[in-house]
Amino acid sequence: MTATGDHEADWAARVGYVFGLTSGNPVERAIALTHLSEARGRVHEALERFNEAWFLTRPLGAEQWNDPEMRRRHAEYSEAQRHAFPDALWSRPSTGLADWPGLPYALQYLEWEARYPDDWTLHAKKWGTKERLIRGLAVGDHREPVRAALVQLVIAAVSRAYRCKDREYVRIARAVDGDDLRVGLTGAAGSSSPWARLHAGYVLRLLDDPALPNSRRTWRTWCAADA
């Protein structure tokens, strides 16, 4: 996917509508979901046209990409992806997300799951995208208010029933560790929710012992001790 026009104004023009996905106003949220559904429809249509071109040029083998129609339809597909979640987030730097113009949209994608998980699952679920974004955001050089947003995402993750890849949030917790995060985690660990107590306690344990790996084995050992 091309990253041309990768600046703040271009992001806003292409996917600015996604900020309505977390609105507390049902009308605004419905409008944003309509925009997203239409954008995803265009991605699907462009992919079908690309697949058709791929099939028609298939005898050319490796020379397929020299076919003008094949290249044109691939460009159309790539452009359609830049207007939809989660595809628009796939073209990003491997490091240095703190200065990436798409950072607010990456945070929005994760916040959307935290606030409206059913909508997120229905319209834009990609566990691999979630995992890679969390890993890319797990650095300590974020400025405010990005760091504060990451703290709230960690607290939200430990306070809900487990969702796929939620354990990855330990990476962010370790990167943004501070009093505000620990206060939130301590509150969750003392809540009436068995899951919040279990998960928040686990994250606090790993914050206290940076050498302890955030592995399945560590998690299972923690769960077994709590049983």
Protein backbone atom coordinates (compact mmCIF):
# COMPACT_ATOMS: atom_id res chain seq x y z
CA MET A 1 0.00 0.00 0.00
CA THR A 2 1.41 3.36 -0.96
CA ALA A 3 2.12 5.92 1.72
CA THR A 4 1.87 8.96 -0.59
CA GLY A 5 0.25 12.00 0.96
CA ASP A 6 1.09 10.65 4.42
CA HIS A 7 0.56 13.84 6.41
CA GLU A 8 -1.99 15.05 8.94
CA ALA A 9 -4.30 16.79 6.48
CA ASP A 10 -4.34 13.76 4.18
CA TRP A 11 -5.17 11.41 7.05
CA ALA A 12 -8.00 13.68 8.15
CA ALA A 13 -9.42 13.81 4.62
CA ARG A 14 -9.27 10.05 4.17
CA VAL A 15 -10.30 8.64 7.54
CA GLY A 16 -11.23 11.57 9.74
CA TYR A 17 -14.70 10.08 10.03
CA VAL A 18 -13.39 7.32 12.33
CA PHE A 19 -13.37 9.65 15.32
CA GLY A 20 -17.13 9.39 15.29
CA LEU A 21 -16.86 5.66 16.00
CA THR A 22 -16.25 6.35 19.69
CA SER A 23 -18.80 9.13 20.04
CA GLY A 24 -21.23 8.90 22.91
CA ASN A 25 -23.88 10.23 20.55
CA PRO A 26 -25.60 7.27 18.83
CA VAL A 27 -26.41 9.36 15.75
CA GLU A 28 -22.79 10.42 15.27
CA ARG A 29 -21.65 6.86 15.80
CA ALA A 30 -24.15 5.56 13.25
CA ILE A 31 -22.97 8.11 10.68
CA ALA A 32 -19.34 7.08 11.22
CA LEU A 33 -20.26 3.40 10.91
CA THR A 34 -22.05 4.15 7.63
CA HIS A 35 -18.92 5.89 6.31
CA LEU A 36 -16.81 2.93 7.36
CA SER A 37 -19.18 0.38 5.82
CA GLU A 38 -19.15 2.27 2.53
CA ALA A 39 -15.36 2.51 2.59
CA ARG A 40 -15.06 -1.20 3.32
CA GLY A 41 -17.46 -1.89 0.47
CA ARG A 42 -15.20 0.02 -1.90
CA VAL A 43 -12.21 -1.99 -0.66
CA HIS A 44 -14.08 -5.22 -1.36
CA GLU A 45 -15.12 -4.09 -4.84
CA ALA A 46 -11.58 -2.98 -5.69
CA LEU A 47 -10.21 -6.30 -4.46
CA GLU A 48 -12.64 -8.19 -6.68
CA ARG A 49 -11.53 -6.16 -9.72
CA PHE A 50 -7.88 -6.78 -8.82
CA ASN A 51 -8.51 -10.52 -8.44
CA GLU A 52 -10.23 -10.54 -11.82
CA ALA A 53 -7.19 -8.89 -13.42
CA TRP A 54 -4.89 -11.32 -11.65
CA PHE A 55 -6.89 -14.27 -13.00
CA LEU A 56 -6.94 -12.91 -16.56
CA THR A 57 -3.18 -12.29 -16.61
CA ARG A 58 -2.26 -15.43 -14.68
CA PRO A 59 -0.58 -17.23 -17.66
CA LEU A 60 2.03 -14.46 -17.65
CA GLY A 61 3.40 -15.69 -14.32
CA ALA A 62 5.97 -13.32 -12.89
CA GLU A 63 5.28 -10.88 -15.76
CA GLN A 64 1.79 -10.20 -14.41
CA TRP A 65 2.99 -7.03 -12.72
CA ASN A 66 4.08 -5.62 -16.07
CA ASP A 67 0.50 -5.73 -17.32
CA PRO A 68 -0.95 -2.15 -17.22
CA GLU A 69 -4.44 -3.29 -16.25
CA MET A 70 -3.10 -5.44 -13.44
CA ARG A 71 -1.06 -2.55 -12.07
CA ARG A 72 -3.94 -0.10 -12.42
CA ARG A 73 -6.34 -2.29 -10.51
CA HIS A 74 -3.79 -2.95 -7.80
CA ALA A 75 -3.31 0.81 -7.42
CA GLU A 76 -7.09 1.23 -7.12
CA TYR A 77 -7.23 -1.44 -4.43
CA SER A 78 -4.37 0.15 -2.49
CA GLU A 79 -6.03 3.57 -2.68
CA ALA A 80 -9.36 2.16 -1.45
CA GLN A 81 -7.59 0.61 1.54
CA ARG A 82 -6.24 4.00 2.58
CA HIS A 83 -9.82 5.16 3.28
CA ALA A 84 -10.93 2.31 5.57
CA PHE A 85 -10.20 0.82 8.97
CA PRO A 86 -8.14 -1.16 9.66
CA ASP A 87 -6.43 -1.19 6.26
CA ALA A 88 -5.33 2.45 6.48
CA LEU A 89 -3.16 1.51 9.48
CA TRP A 90 -1.18 -1.15 7.65
CA SER A 91 1.21 1.26 5.93
CA ARG A 92 3.24 2.56 8.83
CA PRO A 93 6.88 2.85 9.88
CA SER A 94 8.31 -0.14 11.68
CA THR A 95 9.67 2.16 14.41
CA GLY A 96 9.17 5.73 15.52
CA LEU A 97 5.37 5.79 15.70
CA ALA A 98 5.52 8.78 18.05
CA ASP A 99 5.98 11.09 15.05
CA TRP A 100 3.78 9.14 12.63
CA PRO A 101 0.81 11.17 11.33
CA GLY A 102 -1.32 8.05 11.63
CA LEU A 103 -0.72 7.76 15.38
CA PRO A 104 -4.05 9.38 16.41
CA TYR A 105 -5.86 6.89 14.18
CA ALA A 106 -3.98 3.92 15.65
CA LEU A 107 -5.04 5.08 19.11
CA GLN A 108 -8.58 5.54 17.83
CA TYR A 109 -8.65 1.97 16.53
CA LEU A 110 -7.69 0.62 19.94
CA GLU A 111 -10.00 2.98 21.80
CA TRP A 112 -12.87 1.92 19.57
CA GLU A 113 -12.36 -1.69 20.64
CA ALA A 114 -12.23 -0.62 24.28
CA ARG A 115 -15.46 1.41 24.15
CA TYR A 116 -17.56 -0.45 21.58
CA PRO A 117 -16.11 -3.96 21.24
CA ASP A 118 -19.14 -5.37 19.43
CA ASP A 119 -18.96 -2.72 16.68
CA TRP A 120 -15.19 -3.15 16.42
CA THR A 121 -15.52 -6.92 16.10
CA LEU A 122 -18.27 -6.68 13.50
CA HIS A 123 -16.77 -3.99 11.29
CA ALA A 124 -12.97 -3.97 11.64
CA LYS A 125 -11.67 -6.92 13.65
CA LYS A 126 -8.05 -7.72 12.86
CA TRP A 127 -6.21 -9.31 15.75
CA GLY A 128 -2.89 -9.12 13.93
CA THR A 129 -3.31 -5.40 13.37
CA LYS A 130 -4.16 -4.91 17.04
CA GLU A 131 -1.09 -6.87 18.11
CA ARG A 132 1.30 -5.03 15.80
CA LEU A 133 -0.06 -1.62 16.78
CA ILE A 134 0.31 -2.38 20.48
CA ARG A 135 3.87 -3.56 19.96
CA GLY A 136 4.69 -0.49 17.89
CA LEU A 137 3.24 1.81 20.55
CA ALA A 138 5.13 0.14 23.41
CA VAL A 139 7.90 2.75 23.59
CA GLY A 140 8.74 5.29 26.25
CA ASP A 141 9.12 8.44 24.15
CA HIS A 142 5.44 9.37 23.81
CA ARG A 143 4.41 12.92 24.57
CA GLU A 144 1.27 13.90 26.42
CA PRO A 145 -1.61 13.40 25.77
CA VAL A 146 -0.58 10.24 23.86
CA ARG A 147 0.97 8.69 26.95
CA ALA A 148 -2.19 9.40 28.95
CA ALA A 149 -4.28 7.74 26.24
CA LEU A 150 -2.05 4.66 26.37
CA VAL A 151 -2.41 4.50 30.16
CA GLN A 152 -6.19 4.51 29.79
CA LEU A 153 -6.04 1.78 27.14
CA VAL A 154 -4.08 -0.46 29.51
CA ILE A 155 -6.55 0.15 32.33
CA ALA A 156 -9.48 -0.53 30.00
CA ALA A 157 -7.88 -3.78 28.81
CA VAL A 158 -7.38 -5.18 32.31
CA SER A 159 -10.87 -4.10 33.41
CA ARG A 160 -12.79 -6.10 30.79
CA ALA A 161 -13.21 -9.75 30.02
CA TYR A 162 -10.16 -10.97 28.14
CA ARG A 163 -10.07 -10.31 24.41
CA CYS A 164 -7.60 -11.76 21.94
CA LYS A 165 -4.14 -10.13 22.21
CA ASP A 166 -5.01 -8.18 25.38
CA ARG A 167 -1.94 -9.65 27.08
CA GLU A 168 0.13 -7.57 24.65
CA TYR A 169 -0.86 -4.49 26.66
CA VAL A 170 1.76 -5.49 29.22
CA ARG A 171 4.29 -4.13 26.71
CA ILE A 172 2.65 -0.72 26.79
CA ALA A 173 2.28 -0.83 30.58
CA ARG A 174 6.01 -1.37 30.95
CA ALA A 175 6.75 1.44 28.49
CA VAL A 176 4.52 4.05 30.17
CA ASP A 177 4.84 2.90 33.79
CA GLY A 178 4.10 5.64 36.30
CA ASP A 179 2.00 6.63 39.28
CA ASP A 180 -1.13 7.28 37.19
CA LEU A 181 -0.97 3.83 35.62
CA ARG A 182 -0.34 2.08 38.93
CA VAL A 183 -3.20 3.90 40.62
CA GLY A 184 -5.55 2.74 37.87
CA LEU A 185 -4.24 -0.83 37.97
CA THR A 186 -4.47 -0.94 41.76
CA GLY A 187 -8.09 0.21 41.55
CA ALA A 188 -8.88 -2.51 39.02
CA ALA A 189 -7.08 -5.11 41.14
CA GLY A 190 -9.33 -4.21 44.06
CA SER A 191 -12.57 -4.14 42.10
CA SER A 192 -15.50 -6.53 42.34
CA SER A 193 -14.71 -8.01 38.91
CA PRO A 194 -12.81 -11.31 39.19
CA TRP A 195 -11.28 -10.76 35.77
CA ALA A 196 -10.10 -7.24 36.58
CA ARG A 197 -8.54 -8.43 39.82
CA LEU A 198 -6.74 -11.25 38.02
CA HIS A 199 -5.50 -9.30 35.01
CA ALA A 200 -4.61 -6.05 36.81
CA GLY A 201 -2.73 -8.00 39.46
CA TYR A 202 -0.81 -9.80 36.74
CA VAL A 203 0.22 -6.54 35.07
CA LEU A 204 1.29 -5.04 38.40
CA ARG A 205 3.37 -8.15 39.09
CA LEU A 206 5.17 -7.78 35.78
CA LEU A 207 5.75 -4.09 36.36
CA ASP A 208 7.40 -4.91 39.68
CA ASP A 209 9.64 -7.52 38.04
CA PRO A 210 10.83 -6.28 34.62
CA ALA A 211 12.82 -9.49 34.12
CA LEU A 212 9.70 -11.66 34.34
CA PRO A 213 8.62 -12.60 30.79
CA ASN A 214 5.11 -11.83 29.62
CA SER A 215 4.66 -15.37 28.38
CA ARG A 216 1.82 -17.89 28.33
CA ARG A 217 3.66 -19.86 30.99
CA THR A 218 3.90 -16.83 33.29
CA TRP A 219 0.24 -16.06 32.73
CA ARG A 220 -0.86 -19.63 33.40
CA THR A 221 1.25 -19.78 36.55
CA TRP A 222 -0.39 -16.57 37.76
CA CYS A 223 -3.88 -17.87 37.01
CA ALA A 224 -3.16 -21.19 38.73
CA ALA A 225 -1.95 -19.43 41.87
CA ASP A 226 -5.16 -17.41 41.97
CA ALA A 227 -7.43 -20.44 41.55
